[in-house]
């Protein structure tokens, strides 16, 4: 590692020290209280894009939102990482809201739409290609490529909300009358604003019967 890169890394430690001092000055017990408990009301499932940091987007402090992020905010039944996060959030932290948040201009969605080979990630992006296939006629009817990709971003969020709802963790929570709502939101990097999509589910009665878990 050259000296320039070393200095850049060291600056992160300097930033961390300054941030910790600022937080302590504002509240001397901040880190003490933070270390003693984690009781967020929200699980945020978002994109790994560095421009969409969960806490900052909704202006919440550390400890107030539990976060899982991956390329293009995808939730699939075979991803044990994501499912484990959902289980911990629901069963241990007892969150009341799960927010799936995508963003316009998502690079993962754009790559899936354009279809150029990206290597290993092509296997992951296939989930988004499926979403495009299911909504192809509506998406292709949009005027510009940007509009098409942005609509695919929205459709992808809505599909991932459904996948969260279909998980055994969420359905079992609803079976025990847990207060748990799944939301689909999308964020604009161009203006910093969130938009709620038509994707909010708070009970299993809102699901298609094929996905419902039957009583034992």
Protein backbone atom coordinates (compact mmCIF):
# COMPACT_ATOMS: atom_id res chain seq x y z
CA UNK A 1 0.00 0.00 0.00
CA UNK A 2 1.43 3.39 -1.00
CA UNK A 3 1.66 6.39 1.31
CA UNK A 4 -1.30 8.14 -0.33
CA UNK A 5 -3.62 5.20 0.30
CA UNK A 6 -2.30 4.86 3.85
CA UNK A 7 -3.11 8.53 4.52
CA UNK A 8 -6.63 8.05 3.16
CA UNK A 9 -7.19 5.10 5.50
CA UNK A 10 -5.76 6.98 8.46
CA UNK A 11 -8.16 9.82 7.76
CA UNK A 12 -11.04 7.42 8.43
CA UNK A 13 -9.71 6.80 11.93
CA UNK A 14 -9.39 10.57 12.40
CA UNK A 15 -12.99 11.00 11.25
CA UNK A 16 -14.11 8.27 13.64
CA UNK A 17 -12.37 9.90 16.59
CA UNK A 18 -13.88 13.28 15.79
CA UNK A 19 -17.35 11.76 15.42
CA UNK A 20 -17.09 9.86 18.72
CA UNK A 21 -15.97 13.02 20.50
CA UNK A 22 -18.84 15.02 18.98
CA UNK A 23 -21.41 12.42 20.05
CA UNK A 24 -19.96 12.28 23.57
CA UNK A 25 -19.99 16.06 23.89
CA UNK A 26 -23.65 16.16 22.87
CA UNK A 27 -24.55 13.29 25.22
CA UNK A 28 -21.91 11.94 27.63
CA UNK A 29 -23.90 8.70 28.10
CA UNK A 30 -24.58 8.10 24.41
CA UNK A 31 -22.20 5.16 23.92
CA UNK A 32 -22.95 3.71 27.35
CA UNK A 33 -26.65 3.52 26.56
CA UNK A 34 -25.99 2.33 23.01
CA UNK A 35 -23.84 -0.57 24.25
CA UNK A 36 -26.48 -1.76 26.70
CA UNK A 37 -29.38 -2.33 24.36
CA UNK A 38 -30.59 -2.55 20.76
CA UNK A 39 -34.32 -1.92 20.41
CA UNK A 40 -35.04 -0.64 16.90
CA UNK A 41 -38.57 -0.54 15.57
CA UNK A 42 -37.38 -0.87 11.98
CA UNK A 43 -35.61 -3.38 9.78
CA UNK A 44 -34.31 -1.71 6.61
CA UNK A 45 -33.61 -3.96 3.63
CA UNK A 46 -31.85 -1.77 1.11
CA UNK A 47 -29.37 -1.60 -1.72
CA UNK A 48 -25.63 -1.70 -1.09
CA UNK A 49 -25.23 1.53 -3.08
CA UNK A 50 -22.97 3.85 -1.07
CA UNK A 51 -25.27 6.80 -1.83
CA UNK A 52 -28.21 5.32 0.10
CA UNK A 53 -27.17 5.04 3.79
CA UNK A 54 -30.21 3.92 5.77
CA UNK A 55 -29.73 5.91 8.97
CA UNK A 56 -28.98 9.16 7.17
CA UNK A 57 -31.81 8.87 4.65
CA UNK A 58 -34.41 8.73 7.45
CA UNK A 59 -32.32 10.76 9.93
CA UNK A 60 -32.20 8.09 12.64
CA UNK A 61 -29.45 7.63 15.20
CA UNK A 62 -27.34 4.48 15.65
CA UNK A 63 -29.43 1.80 17.33
CA UNK A 64 -32.74 2.98 15.83
CA UNK A 65 -32.73 0.95 12.61
CA UNK A 66 -31.52 -2.61 11.94
CA UNK A 67 -30.04 -2.84 8.44
CA UNK A 68 -29.48 -5.45 5.75
CA UNK A 69 -28.15 -4.36 2.36
CA UNK A 70 -27.31 -6.18 -0.85
CA UNK A 71 -27.10 -5.48 -4.57
CA UNK A 72 -30.52 -4.15 -5.67
CA UNK A 73 -32.28 -4.91 -2.34
CA UNK A 74 -33.24 -8.45 -3.34
CA UNK A 75 -34.98 -10.90 -0.98
CA UNK A 76 -35.10 -14.53 -2.08
CA UNK A 77 -36.03 -17.71 -0.22
CA UNK A 78 -32.59 -19.25 -0.77
CA UNK A 79 -30.60 -16.37 0.74
CA UNK A 80 -29.96 -17.56 4.29
CA UNK A 81 -28.07 -14.36 5.09
CA UNK A 82 -31.08 -12.14 4.44
CA UNK A 83 -33.53 -14.60 6.01
CA UNK A 84 -31.39 -14.82 9.13
CA UNK A 85 -31.44 -11.03 9.42
CA UNK A 86 -35.23 -11.04 9.07
CA UNK A 87 -35.57 -13.77 11.70
CA UNK A 88 -33.32 -11.95 14.18
CA UNK A 89 -35.12 -8.66 13.57
CA UNK A 90 -38.59 -10.18 13.97
CA UNK A 91 -38.06 -12.78 16.68
CA UNK A 92 -35.33 -11.22 18.82
CA UNK A 93 -35.49 -7.47 18.25
CA UNK A 94 -39.27 -7.58 17.70
CA UNK A 95 -39.28 -4.84 15.08
CA UNK A 96 -42.66 -3.48 14.08
CA UNK A 97 -41.79 -2.47 10.54
CA UNK A 98 -39.76 -4.03 7.74
CA UNK A 99 -38.93 -1.52 5.03
CA UNK A 100 -37.73 -2.71 1.63
CA UNK A 101 -36.18 0.37 0.07
CA UNK A 102 -34.91 0.54 -3.48
CA UNK A 103 -33.69 3.60 -5.34
CA UNK A 104 -34.10 5.08 -8.78
CA UNK A 105 -31.17 4.60 -11.11
CA UNK A 106 -30.08 1.44 -9.29
CA UNK A 107 -26.96 0.03 -10.95
CA UNK A 108 -27.99 -3.56 -10.29
CA UNK A 109 -31.42 -3.04 -11.83
CA UNK A 110 -29.86 -1.22 -14.78
CA UNK A 111 -27.40 -4.09 -15.35
CA UNK A 112 -30.23 -6.61 -15.27
CA UNK A 113 -32.27 -4.55 -17.73
CA UNK A 114 -29.42 -4.06 -20.20
CA UNK A 115 -28.36 -7.70 -20.05
CA UNK A 116 -24.61 -7.25 -20.51
CA UNK A 117 -22.52 -9.93 -18.82
CA UNK A 118 -21.11 -8.74 -15.50
CA UNK A 119 -19.60 -12.01 -14.28
CA UNK A 120 -20.63 -13.74 -11.06
CA UNK A 121 -23.24 -11.10 -10.26
CA UNK A 122 -25.26 -12.20 -13.32
CA UNK A 123 -26.60 -15.07 -11.20
CA UNK A 124 -27.87 -12.61 -8.59
CA UNK A 125 -29.32 -10.24 -11.15
CA UNK A 126 -31.40 -13.02 -12.64
CA UNK A 127 -33.93 -12.40 -9.87
CA UNK A 128 -34.44 -8.90 -11.27
CA UNK A 129 -34.61 -10.22 -14.82
CA UNK A 130 -37.56 -12.34 -13.64
CA UNK A 131 -39.28 -9.20 -12.36
CA UNK A 132 -38.71 -7.56 -15.74
CA UNK A 133 -40.12 -10.61 -17.53
CA UNK A 134 -43.30 -10.49 -15.42
CA UNK A 135 -43.86 -6.78 -16.15
CA UNK A 136 -42.20 -6.50 -19.56
CA UNK A 137 -45.16 -5.08 -21.46
CA UNK A 138 -45.74 -2.26 -18.94
CA UNK A 139 -42.05 -1.44 -18.61
CA UNK A 140 -41.36 -1.47 -22.35
CA UNK A 141 -44.26 0.97 -22.85
CA UNK A 142 -42.34 3.71 -21.00
CA UNK A 143 -41.02 6.58 -23.11
CA UNK A 144 -37.32 6.51 -22.28
CA UNK A 145 -34.78 3.99 -21.08
CA UNK A 146 -34.45 5.93 -17.82
CA UNK A 147 -38.21 5.67 -17.29
CA UNK A 148 -38.10 1.94 -18.02
CA UNK A 149 -35.29 1.33 -15.54
CA UNK A 150 -36.98 3.45 -12.87
CA UNK A 151 -40.24 1.55 -13.27
CA UNK A 152 -38.31 -1.72 -13.02
CA UNK A 153 -36.77 -0.36 -9.79
CA UNK A 154 -40.29 0.14 -8.42
CA UNK A 155 -41.52 -3.26 -9.57
CA UNK A 156 -38.46 -4.86 -8.01
CA UNK A 157 -39.23 -3.29 -4.62
CA UNK A 158 -42.84 -4.49 -4.77
CA UNK A 159 -41.72 -8.02 -5.63
CA UNK A 160 -39.23 -8.07 -2.75
CA UNK A 161 -41.95 -6.91 -0.35
CA UNK A 162 -43.96 -9.93 -1.45
CA UNK A 163 -40.95 -12.18 -0.87
CA UNK A 164 -40.55 -10.86 2.68
CA UNK A 165 -44.23 -11.52 3.31
CA UNK A 166 -43.96 -15.06 1.95
CA UNK A 167 -41.14 -15.94 4.34
CA UNK A 168 -41.94 -18.38 7.12
CA UNK A 169 -40.60 -15.94 9.70
CA UNK A 170 -43.04 -13.17 8.83
CA UNK A 171 -46.03 -15.47 8.38
CA UNK A 172 -45.44 -17.14 11.73
CA UNK A 173 -45.21 -13.73 13.35
CA UNK A 174 -48.60 -12.84 11.92
CA UNK A 175 -50.03 -16.17 13.10
CA UNK A 176 -49.19 -15.09 16.65
CA UNK A 177 -50.85 -11.71 16.08
CA UNK A 178 -47.61 -9.77 16.04
CA UNK A 179 -47.82 -6.10 15.11
CA UNK A 180 -45.65 -6.24 11.99
CA UNK A 181 -46.02 -4.31 8.74
CA UNK A 182 -43.97 -4.68 5.57
CA UNK A 183 -43.44 -1.53 3.49
CA UNK A 184 -42.12 -0.88 -0.01
CA UNK A 185 -40.33 2.45 -0.48
CA UNK A 186 -38.13 3.96 -3.14
CA UNK A 187 -35.53 6.69 -2.83
CA UNK A 188 -34.42 9.32 -5.31
CA UNK A 189 -30.72 10.10 -5.24
CA UNK A 190 -31.48 13.16 -7.37
CA UNK A 191 -33.52 14.94 -4.67
CA UNK A 192 -32.97 12.89 -1.51
CA UNK A 193 -36.66 12.08 -1.05
CA UNK A 194 -38.40 8.80 -0.26
CA UNK A 195 -41.67 7.67 -1.84
CA UNK A 196 -44.00 5.00 -0.49
CA UNK A 197 -45.09 2.57 -3.20
CA UNK A 198 -48.38 0.72 -3.28
CA UNK A 199 -46.89 -2.11 -1.28
CA UNK A 200 -47.82 -2.25 2.39
CA UNK A 201 -48.81 -5.53 4.02
CA UNK A 202 -49.70 -6.06 7.67
CA UNK A 203 -51.47 -9.42 7.72
CA UNK A 204 -51.41 -12.75 5.93
CA UNK A 205 -54.96 -12.24 4.62
CA UNK A 206 -53.48 -9.84 2.08
CA UNK A 207 -51.38 -12.62 0.50
CA UNK A 208 -52.20 -14.95 -2.36
CA UNK A 209 -53.43 -18.26 -0.96
CA UNK A 210 -50.68 -20.26 -2.69
CA UNK A 211 -48.10 -18.61 -0.41
CA UNK A 212 -49.97 -19.04 2.86
CA UNK A 213 -48.67 -21.43 5.48
CA UNK A 214 -51.42 -23.79 6.57
CA UNK A 215 -52.10 -24.47 10.23
CA UNK A 216 -50.51 -27.65 11.57
